[in-house]
Amino acid sequence: MTKFPTKISAARRNAEALLSRGKTQESSIKLEQEREHDAMVEKMARLRALRLAKEAADREPPQRGSHDRAPNRVAQVKNRAKD
């Protein structure tokens, strides 16, 4: 009768080891999912900030600068071609 308790305790140890491994795998999977979620949230925030900055820049009236000079440069090149 002494062998019967040892078999139960061996089976119990095996079951607890399997359960422990399962819990470890589950916690590592949850940790990985949390990391992926955090990365996605950061990416979304970065993209949102870029979009908002672009929309703000698009709403501003064009400033006097290189856009005004381009037609003049084209006119100068055309005038040289005519000469």
PDB file of N, CA and C in Angstrom:
ATOM      1  N   MET A   1       0.800  -1.192   0.000  1.00  0.00           N
ATOM      2  CA  MET A   1       0.000   0.000   0.000  1.00  0.00           C
ATOM      3  C   MET A   1       0.847   1.261   0.000  1.00  0.00           C
ATOM      4  N   THR A   2       2.081   1.101   0.221  1.00  0.00           N
ATOM      5  CA  THR A   2       2.927   2.292   0.231  1.00  0.00           C
ATOM      6  C   THR A   2       3.152   2.849  -1.175  1.00  0.00           C
ATOM      7  N   LYS A   3       3.019   2.014  -2.204  1.00  0.00           N
ATOM      8  CA  LYS A   3       3.235   2.475  -3.566  1.00  0.00           C
ATOM      9  C   LYS A   3       2.070   3.330  -4.067  1.00  0.00           C
ATOM     10  N   PHE A   4       0.908   3.104  -3.567  1.00  0.00           N
ATOM     11  CA  PHE A   4      -0.258   3.850  -4.033  1.00  0.00           C
ATOM     12  C   PHE A   4      -0.122   5.356  -3.770  1.00  0.00           C
ATOM     13  N   PRO A   5       0.261   5.798  -2.587  1.00  0.00           N
ATOM     14  CA  PRO A   5       0.435   7.235  -2.351  1.00  0.00           C
ATOM     15  C   PRO A   5       1.549   7.840  -3.201  1.00  0.00           C
ATOM     16  N   THR A   6       2.587   7.076  -3.489  1.00  0.00           N
ATOM     17  CA  THR A   6       3.663   7.615  -4.316  1.00  0.00           C
ATOM     18  C   THR A   6       3.197   7.827  -5.741  1.00  0.00           C
ATOM     19  N   LYS A   7       2.368   6.942  -6.249  1.00  0.00           N
ATOM     20  CA  LYS A   7       1.847   7.128  -7.599  1.00  0.00           C
ATOM     21  C   LYS A   7       0.972   8.381  -7.653  1.00  0.00           C
ATOM     22  N   ILE A   8       0.182   8.580  -6.629  1.00  0.00           N
ATOM     23  CA  ILE A   8      -0.679   9.765  -6.598  1.00  0.00           C
ATOM     24  C   ILE A   8       0.173  11.026  -6.507  1.00  0.00           C
ATOM     25  N   SER A   9       1.180  10.991  -5.679  1.00  0.00           N
ATOM     26  CA  SER A   9       1.999  12.182  -5.532  1.00  0.00           C
ATOM     27  C   SER A   9       2.811  12.439  -6.804  1.00  0.00           C
ATOM     28  N   ALA A  10       3.234  11.385  -7.493  1.00  0.00           N
ATOM     29  CA  ALA A  10       3.956  11.560  -8.759  1.00  0.00           C
ATOM     30  C   ALA A  10       3.015  12.149  -9.816  1.00  0.00           C
ATOM     31  N   ALA A  11       1.800  11.638  -9.864  1.00  0.00           N
ATOM     32  CA  ALA A  11       0.824  12.169 -10.817  1.00  0.00           C
ATOM     33  C   ALA A  11       0.492  13.617 -10.481  1.00  0.00           C
ATOM     34  N   ARG A  12       0.390  13.876  -9.195  1.00  0.00           N
ATOM     35  CA  ARG A  12       0.100  15.254  -8.769  1.00  0.00           C
ATOM     36  C   ARG A  12       1.252  16.193  -9.147  1.00  0.00           C
ATOM     37  N   ARG A  13       2.483  15.727  -8.940  1.00  0.00           N
ATOM     38  CA  ARG A  13       3.653  16.544  -9.308  1.00  0.00           C
ATOM     39  C   ARG A  13       3.657  16.816 -10.817  1.00  0.00           C
ATOM     40  N   ASN A  14       3.362  15.795 -11.610  1.00  0.00           N
ATOM     41  CA  ASN A  14       3.305  15.966 -13.068  1.00  0.00           C
ATOM     42  C   ASN A  14       2.227  16.963 -13.465  1.00  0.00           C
ATOM     43  N   ALA A  15       1.069  16.825 -12.848  1.00  0.00           N
ATOM     44  CA  ALA A  15      -0.030  17.737 -13.159  1.00  0.00           C
ATOM     45  C   ALA A  15       0.310  19.164 -12.763  1.00  0.00           C
ATOM     46  N   GLU A  16       0.916  19.327 -11.600  1.00  0.00           N
ATOM     47  CA  GLU A  16       1.293  20.670 -11.159  1.00  0.00           C
ATOM     48  C   GLU A  16       2.378  21.264 -12.059  1.00  0.00           C
ATOM     49  N   ALA A  17       3.299  20.428 -12.540  1.00  0.00           N
ATOM     50  CA  ALA A  17       4.344  20.905 -13.454  1.00  0.00           C
ATOM     51  C   ALA A  17       3.726  21.367 -14.768  1.00  0.00           C
ATOM     52  N   LEU A  18       2.787  20.574 -15.283  1.00  0.00           N
ATOM     53  CA  LEU A  18       2.101  20.973 -16.518  1.00  0.00           C
ATOM     54  C   LEU A  18       1.315  22.269 -16.324  1.00  0.00           C
ATOM     55  N   LEU A  19       0.640  22.359 -15.204  1.00  0.00           N
ATOM     56  CA  LEU A  19      -0.128  23.569 -14.908  1.00  0.00           C
ATOM     57  C   LEU A  19       0.785  24.776 -14.770  1.00  0.00           C
ATOM     58  N   SER A  20       1.909  24.574 -14.131  1.00  0.00           N
ATOM     59  CA  SER A  20       2.875  25.655 -13.947  1.00  0.00           C
ATOM     60  C   SER A  20       3.413  26.129 -15.298  1.00  0.00           C
ATOM     61  N   ARG A  21       3.761  25.167 -16.176  1.00  0.00           N
ATOM     62  CA  ARG A  21       4.238  25.526 -17.514  1.00  0.00           C
ATOM     63  C   ARG A  21       3.161  26.260 -18.301  1.00  0.00           C
ATOM     64  N   GLY A  22       1.937  25.800 -18.170  1.00  0.00           N
ATOM     65  CA  GLY A  22       0.822  26.452 -18.857  1.00  0.00           C
ATOM     66  C   GLY A  22       0.630  27.883 -18.391  1.00  0.00           C
ATOM     67  N   LYS A  23       0.724  28.092 -17.085  1.00  0.00           N
ATOM     68  CA  LYS A  23       0.587  29.444 -16.541  1.00  0.00           C
ATOM     69  C   LYS A  23       1.729  30.341 -17.006  1.00  0.00           C
ATOM     70  N   THR A  24       2.944  29.782 -17.072  1.00  0.00           N
ATOM     71  CA  THR A  24       4.096  30.551 -17.525  1.00  0.00           C
ATOM     72  C   THR A  24       3.913  30.957 -18.988  1.00  0.00           C
ATOM     73  N   GLN A  25       3.481  30.008 -19.814  1.00  0.00           N
ATOM     74  CA  GLN A  25       3.241  30.311 -21.232  1.00  0.00           C
ATOM     75  C   GLN A  25       2.135  31.347 -21.380  1.00  0.00           C
ATOM     76  N   GLU A  26       1.087  31.201 -20.600  1.00  0.00           N
ATOM     77  CA  GLU A  26      -0.034  32.138 -20.664  1.00  0.00           C
ATOM     78  C   GLU A  26       0.413  33.546 -20.281  1.00  0.00           C
ATOM     79  N   SER A  27       1.219  33.652 -19.242  1.00  0.00           N
ATOM     80  CA  SER A  27       1.668  34.970 -18.813  1.00  0.00           C
ATOM     81  C   SER A  27       2.614  35.582 -19.849  1.00  0.00           C
ATOM     82  N   SER A  28       3.454  34.766 -20.482  1.00  0.00           N
ATOM     83  CA  SER A  28       4.345  35.313 -21.508  1.00  0.00           C
ATOM     84  C   SER A  28       3.558  35.737 -22.741  1.00  0.00           C
ATOM     85  N   ILE A  29       2.521  35.005 -23.077  1.00  0.00           N
ATOM     86  CA  ILE A  29       1.669  35.385 -24.212  1.00  0.00           C
ATOM     87  C   ILE A  29       0.946  36.689 -23.905  1.00  0.00           C
ATOM     88  N   LYS A  30       0.409  36.813 -22.701  1.00  0.00           N
ATOM     89  CA  LYS A  30      -0.276  38.050 -22.319  1.00  0.00           C
ATOM     90  C   LYS A  30       0.688  39.231 -22.325  1.00  0.00           C
ATOM     91  N   LEU A  31       1.902  39.016 -21.874  1.00  0.00           N
ATOM     92  CA  LEU A  31       2.910  40.077 -21.869  1.00  0.00           C
ATOM     93  C   LEU A  31       3.235  40.506 -23.295  1.00  0.00           C
ATOM     94  N   GLU A  32       3.383  39.549 -24.186  1.00  0.00           N
ATOM     95  CA  GLU A  32       3.665  39.864 -25.597  1.00  0.00           C
ATOM     96  C   GLU A  32       2.497  40.621 -26.225  1.00  0.00           C
ATOM     97  N   GLN A  33       1.277  40.198 -25.930  1.00  0.00           N
ATOM     98  CA  GLN A  33       0.107  40.903 -26.456  1.00  0.00           C
ATOM     99  C   GLN A  33       0.045  42.335 -25.931  1.00  0.00           C
ATOM    100  N   GLU A  34       0.392  42.517 -24.674  1.00  0.00           N
ATOM    101  CA  GLU A  34       0.391  43.853 -24.086  1.00  0.00           C
ATOM    102  C   GLU A  34       1.447  44.739 -24.758  1.00  0.00           C
ATOM    103  N   ARG A  35       2.621  44.168 -25.023  1.00  0.00           N
ATOM    104  CA  ARG A  35       3.678  44.924 -25.715  1.00  0.00           C
ATOM    105  C   ARG A  35       3.242  45.324 -27.113  1.00  0.00           C
ATOM    106  N   GLU A  36       2.621  44.385 -27.835  1.00  0.00           N
ATOM    107  CA  GLU A  36       2.134  44.687 -29.184  1.00  0.00           C
ATOM    108  C   GLU A  36       1.068  45.775 -29.133  1.00  0.00           C
ATOM    109  N   HIS A  37       0.192  45.713 -28.155  1.00  0.00           N
ATOM    110  CA  HIS A  37      -0.860  46.718 -28.018  1.00  0.00           C
ATOM    111  C   HIS A  37      -0.249  48.083 -27.734  1.00  0.00           C
ATOM    112  N   ASP A  38       0.731  48.135 -26.836  1.00  0.00           N
ATOM    113  CA  ASP A  38       1.388  49.398 -26.517  1.00  0.00           C
ATOM    114  C   ASP A  38       2.087  49.979 -27.747  1.00  0.00           C
ATOM    115  N   ALA A  39       2.738  49.117 -28.533  1.00  0.00           N
ATOM    116  CA  ALA A  39       3.407  49.572 -29.748  1.00  0.00           C
ATOM    117  C   ALA A  39       2.391  50.125 -30.743  1.00  0.00           C
ATOM    118  N   MET A  40       1.242  49.473 -30.854  1.00  0.00           N
ATOM    119  CA  MET A  40       0.209  49.934 -31.768  1.00  0.00           C
ATOM    120  C   MET A  40      -0.348  51.283 -31.303  1.00  0.00           C
ATOM    121  N   VAL A  41      -0.547  51.445 -30.005  1.00  0.00           N
ATOM    122  CA  VAL A  41      -1.060  52.711 -29.468  1.00  0.00           C
ATOM    123  C   VAL A  41      -0.069  53.842 -29.739  1.00  0.00           C
ATOM    124  N   GLU A  42       1.224  53.564 -29.536  1.00  0.00           N
ATOM    125  CA  GLU A  42       2.247  54.577 -29.810  1.00  0.00           C
ATOM    126  C   GLU A  42       2.272  54.947 -31.286  1.00  0.00           C
ATOM    127  N   LYS A  43       2.167  53.953 -32.151  1.00  0.00           N
ATOM    128  CA  LYS A  43       2.168  54.194 -33.595  1.00  0.00           C
ATOM    129  C   LYS A  43       0.960  55.034 -33.997  1.00  0.00           C
ATOM    130  N   MET A  44      -0.201  54.700 -33.453  1.00  0.00           N
ATOM    131  CA  MET A  44      -1.415  55.451 -33.762  1.00  0.00           C
ATOM    132  C   MET A  44      -1.294  56.901 -33.296  1.00  0.00           C
ATOM    133  N   ALA A  45      -0.719  57.115 -32.127  1.00  0.00           N
ATOM    134  CA  ALA A  45      -0.542  58.468 -31.607  1.00  0.00           C
ATOM    135  C   ALA A  45       0.420  59.258 -32.492  1.00  0.00           C
ATOM    136  N   ARG A  46       1.504  58.615 -32.923  1.00  0.00           N
ATOM    137  CA  ARG A  46       2.472  59.284 -33.782  1.00  0.00           C
ATOM    138  C   ARG A  46       1.845  59.651 -35.129  1.00  0.00           C
ATOM    139  N   LEU A  47       1.108  58.706 -35.718  1.00  0.00           N
ATOM    140  CA  LEU A  47       0.450  58.971 -36.997  1.00  0.00           C
ATOM    141  C   LEU A  47      -0.616  60.051 -36.865  1.00  0.00           C
ATOM    142  N   ARG A  48      -1.333  60.047 -35.767  1.00  0.00           N
ATOM    143  CA  ARG A  48      -2.362  61.070 -35.538  1.00  0.00           C
ATOM    144  C   ARG A  48      -1.726  62.450 -35.431  1.00  0.00           C
ATOM    145  N   ALA A  49      -0.610  62.524 -34.706  1.00  0.00           N
ATOM    146  CA  ALA A  49       0.084  63.810 -34.566  1.00  0.00           C
ATOM    147  C   ALA A  49       0.579  64.310 -35.916  1.00  0.00           C
ATOM    148  N   LEU A  50       1.101  63.398 -36.730  1.00  0.00           N
ATOM    149  CA  LEU A  50       1.556  63.786 -38.067  1.00  0.00           C
ATOM    150  C   LEU A  50       0.387  64.271 -38.931  1.00  0.00           C
ATOM    151  N   ARG A  51      -0.726  63.561 -38.845  1.00  0.00           N
ATOM    152  CA  ARG A  51      -1.901  63.956 -39.640  1.00  0.00           C
ATOM    153  C   ARG A  51      -2.412  65.323 -39.204  1.00  0.00           C
ATOM    154  N   LEU A  52      -2.498  65.542 -37.899  1.00  0.00           N
ATOM    155  CA  LEU A  52      -2.978  66.829 -37.398  1.00  0.00           C
ATOM    156  C   LEU A  52      -2.032  67.962 -37.790  1.00  0.00           C
ATOM    157  N   ALA A  53      -0.736  67.704 -37.760  1.00  0.00           N
ATOM    158  CA  ALA A  53       0.233  68.719 -38.165  1.00  0.00           C
ATOM    159  C   ALA A  53       0.082  69.036 -39.647  1.00  0.00           C
ATOM    160  N   LYS A  54      -0.131  68.024 -40.461  1.00  0.00           N
ATOM    161  CA  LYS A  54      -0.313  68.235 -41.898  1.00  0.00           C
ATOM    162  C   LYS A  54      -1.597  69.015 -42.163  1.00  0.00           C
ATOM    163  N   GLU A  55      -2.669  68.648 -41.475  1.00  0.00           N
ATOM    164  CA  GLU A  55      -3.931  69.367 -41.653  1.00  0.00           C
ATOM    165  C   GLU A  55      -3.792  70.828 -41.234  1.00  0.00           C
ATOM    166  N   ALA A  56      -3.066  71.084 -40.162  1.00  0.00           N
ATOM    167  CA  ALA A  56      -2.853  72.465 -39.720  1.00  0.00           C
ATOM    168  C   ALA A  56      -2.032  73.236 -40.741  1.00  0.00           C
ATOM    169  N   ALA A  57      -1.033  72.586 -41.311  1.00  0.00           N
ATOM    170  CA  ALA A  57      -0.206  73.241 -42.327  1.00  0.00           C
ATOM    171  C   ALA A  57      -1.022  73.495 -43.597  1.00  0.00           C
ATOM    172  N   ASP A  58      -1.914  72.594 -43.927  1.00  0.00           N
ATOM    173  CA  ASP A  58      -2.752  72.777 -45.122  1.00  0.00           C
ATOM    174  C   ASP A  58      -3.756  73.907 -44.935  1.00  0.00           C
ATOM    175  N   ARG A  59      -4.197  74.141 -43.698  1.00  0.00           N
ATOM    176  CA  ARG A  59      -5.169  75.204 -43.430  1.00  0.00           C
ATOM    177  C   ARG A  59      -4.539  76.592 -43.503  1.00  0.00           C
ATOM    178  N   GLU A  60      -3.232  76.688 -43.250  1.00  0.00           N
ATOM    179  CA  GLU A  60      -2.573  77.988 -43.274  1.00  0.00           C
ATOM    180  C   GLU A  60      -2.475  78.492 -44.707  1.00  0.00           C
ATOM    181  N   PRO A  61      -2.618  79.822 -44.892  1.00  0.00           N
ATOM    182  CA  PRO A  61      -2.478  80.360 -46.256  1.00  0.00           C
ATOM    183  C   PRO A  61      -1.025  80.210 -46.706  1.00  0.00           C
ATOM    184  N   PRO A  62      -0.816  80.003 -48.000  1.00  0.00           N
ATOM    185  CA  PRO A  62       0.564  79.849 -48.462  1.00  0.00           C
ATOM    186  C   PRO A  62       1.366  81.118 -48.198  1.00  0.00           C
ATOM    187  N   GLN A  63       2.569  80.951 -47.752  1.00  0.00           N
ATOM    188  CA  GLN A  63       3.410  82.098 -47.459  1.00  0.00           C
ATOM    189  C   GLN A  63       4.182  82.496 -48.702  1.00  0.00           C
ATOM    190  N   ARG A  64       4.506  83.749 -48.779  1.00  0.00           N
ATOM    191  CA  ARG A  64       5.275  84.251 -49.912  1.00  0.00           C
ATOM    192  C   ARG A  64       6.666  83.626 -49.833  1.00  0.00           C
ATOM    193  N   GLY A  65       7.083  83.060 -50.905  1.00  0.00           N
ATOM    194  CA  GLY A  65       8.376  82.388 -50.877  1.00  0.00           C
ATOM    195  C   GLY A  65       8.677  81.750 -52.213  1.00  0.00           C
ATOM    196  N   SER A  66       9.116  80.536 -52.172  1.00  0.00           N
ATOM    197  CA  SER A  66       9.557  79.851 -53.382  1.00  0.00           C
ATOM    198  C   SER A  66       8.430  79.662 -54.389  1.00  0.00           C
ATOM    199  N   HIS A  67       7.194  79.578 -53.939  1.00  0.00           N
ATOM    200  CA  HIS A  67       6.079  79.387 -54.874  1.00  0.00           C
ATOM    201  C   HIS A  67       5.888  80.628 -55.748  1.00  0.00           C
ATOM    202  N   ASP A  68       6.131  81.802 -55.197  1.00  0.00           N
ATOM    203  CA  ASP A  68       5.977  83.024 -55.971  1.00  0.00           C
ATOM    204  C   ASP A  68       7.130  83.207 -56.947  1.00  0.00           C
ATOM    205  N   ARG A  69       8.259  82.693 -56.644  1.00  0.00           N
ATOM    206  CA  ARG A  69       9.432  82.876 -57.491  1.00  0.00           C
ATOM    207  C   ARG A  69       9.439  81.907 -58.669  1.00  0.00           C
ATOM    208  N   ALA A  70       8.809  80.787 -58.553  1.00  0.00           N
ATOM    209  CA  ALA A  70       8.852  79.781 -59.609  1.00  0.00           C
ATOM    210  C   ALA A  70       8.320  80.302 -60.939  1.00  0.00           C
ATOM    211  N   PRO A  71       7.167  80.964 -60.991  1.00  0.00           N
ATOM    212  CA  PRO A  71       6.688  81.463 -62.282  1.00  0.00           C
ATOM    213  C   PRO A  71       7.664  82.486 -62.884  1.00  0.00           C
ATOM    214  N   ASN A  72       8.288  83.318 -62.066  1.00  0.00           N
ATOM    215  CA  ASN A  72       9.244  84.286 -62.572  1.00  0.00           C
ATOM    216  C   ASN A  72      10.438  83.575 -63.196  1.00  0.00           C
ATOM    217  N   ARG A  73      10.887  82.512 -62.572  1.00  0.00           N
ATOM    218  CA  ARG A  73      12.020  81.751 -63.091  1.00  0.00           C
ATOM    219  C   ARG A  73      11.646  81.130 -64.429  1.00  0.00           C
ATOM    220  N   VAL A  74      10.431  80.634 -64.549  1.00  0.00           N
ATOM    221  CA  VAL A  74       9.974  80.049 -65.802  1.00  0.00           C
ATOM    222  C   VAL A  74       9.920  81.133 -66.872  1.00  0.00           C
ATOM    223  N   ALA A  75       9.435  82.309 -66.518  1.00  0.00           N
ATOM    224  CA  ALA A  75       9.364  83.407 -67.476  1.00  0.00           C
ATOM    225  C   ALA A  75      10.766  83.803 -67.938  1.00  0.00           C
ATOM    226  N   GLN A  76      11.711  83.789 -67.047  1.00  0.00           N
ATOM    227  CA  GLN A  76      13.083  84.133 -67.420  1.00  0.00           C
ATOM    228  C   GLN A  76      13.652  83.113 -68.401  1.00  0.00           C
ATOM    229  N   VAL A  77      13.390  81.867 -68.184  1.00  0.00           N
ATOM    230  CA  VAL A  77      13.896  80.824 -69.079  1.00  0.00           C
ATOM    231  C   VAL A  77      13.239  80.955 -70.445  1.00  0.00           C
ATOM    232  N   LYS A  78      11.944  81.251 -70.474  1.00  0.00           N
ATOM    233  CA  LYS A  78      11.234  81.421 -71.745  1.00  0.00           C
ATOM    234  C   LYS A  78      11.799  82.632 -72.514  1.00  0.00           C
ATOM    235  N   ASN A  79      12.076  83.698 -71.768  1.00  0.00           N
ATOM    236  CA  ASN A  79      12.621  84.891 -72.414  1.00  0.00           C
ATOM    237  C   ASN A  79      14.001  84.606 -73.006  1.00  0.00           C
ATOM    238  N   ARG A  80      14.826  83.833 -72.342  1.00  0.00           N
ATOM    239  CA  ARG A  80      16.135  83.476 -72.878  1.00  0.00           C
ATOM    240  C   ARG A  80      16.005  82.642 -74.138  1.00  0.00           C
ATOM    241  N   ALA A  81      15.001  81.768 -74.165  1.00  0.00           N
ATOM    242  CA  ALA A  81      14.808  80.908 -75.350  1.00  0.00           C
ATOM    243  C   ALA A  81      14.390  81.743 -76.549  1.00  0.00           C
ATOM    244  N   LYS A  82      13.653  82.822 -76.315  1.00  0.00           N
ATOM    245  CA  LYS A  82      13.206  83.673 -77.413  1.00  0.00           C
ATOM    246  C   LYS A  82      14.377  84.480 -77.985  1.00  0.00           C
ATOM    247  N   ASP A  83      15.345  84.851 -77.156  1.00  0.00           N
ATOM    248  CA  ASP A  83      16.478  85.685 -77.612  1.00  0.00           C
ATOM    249  C   ASP A  83      17.413  84.925 -78.457  1.00  0.00           C
TER     250      ASP A  83
END
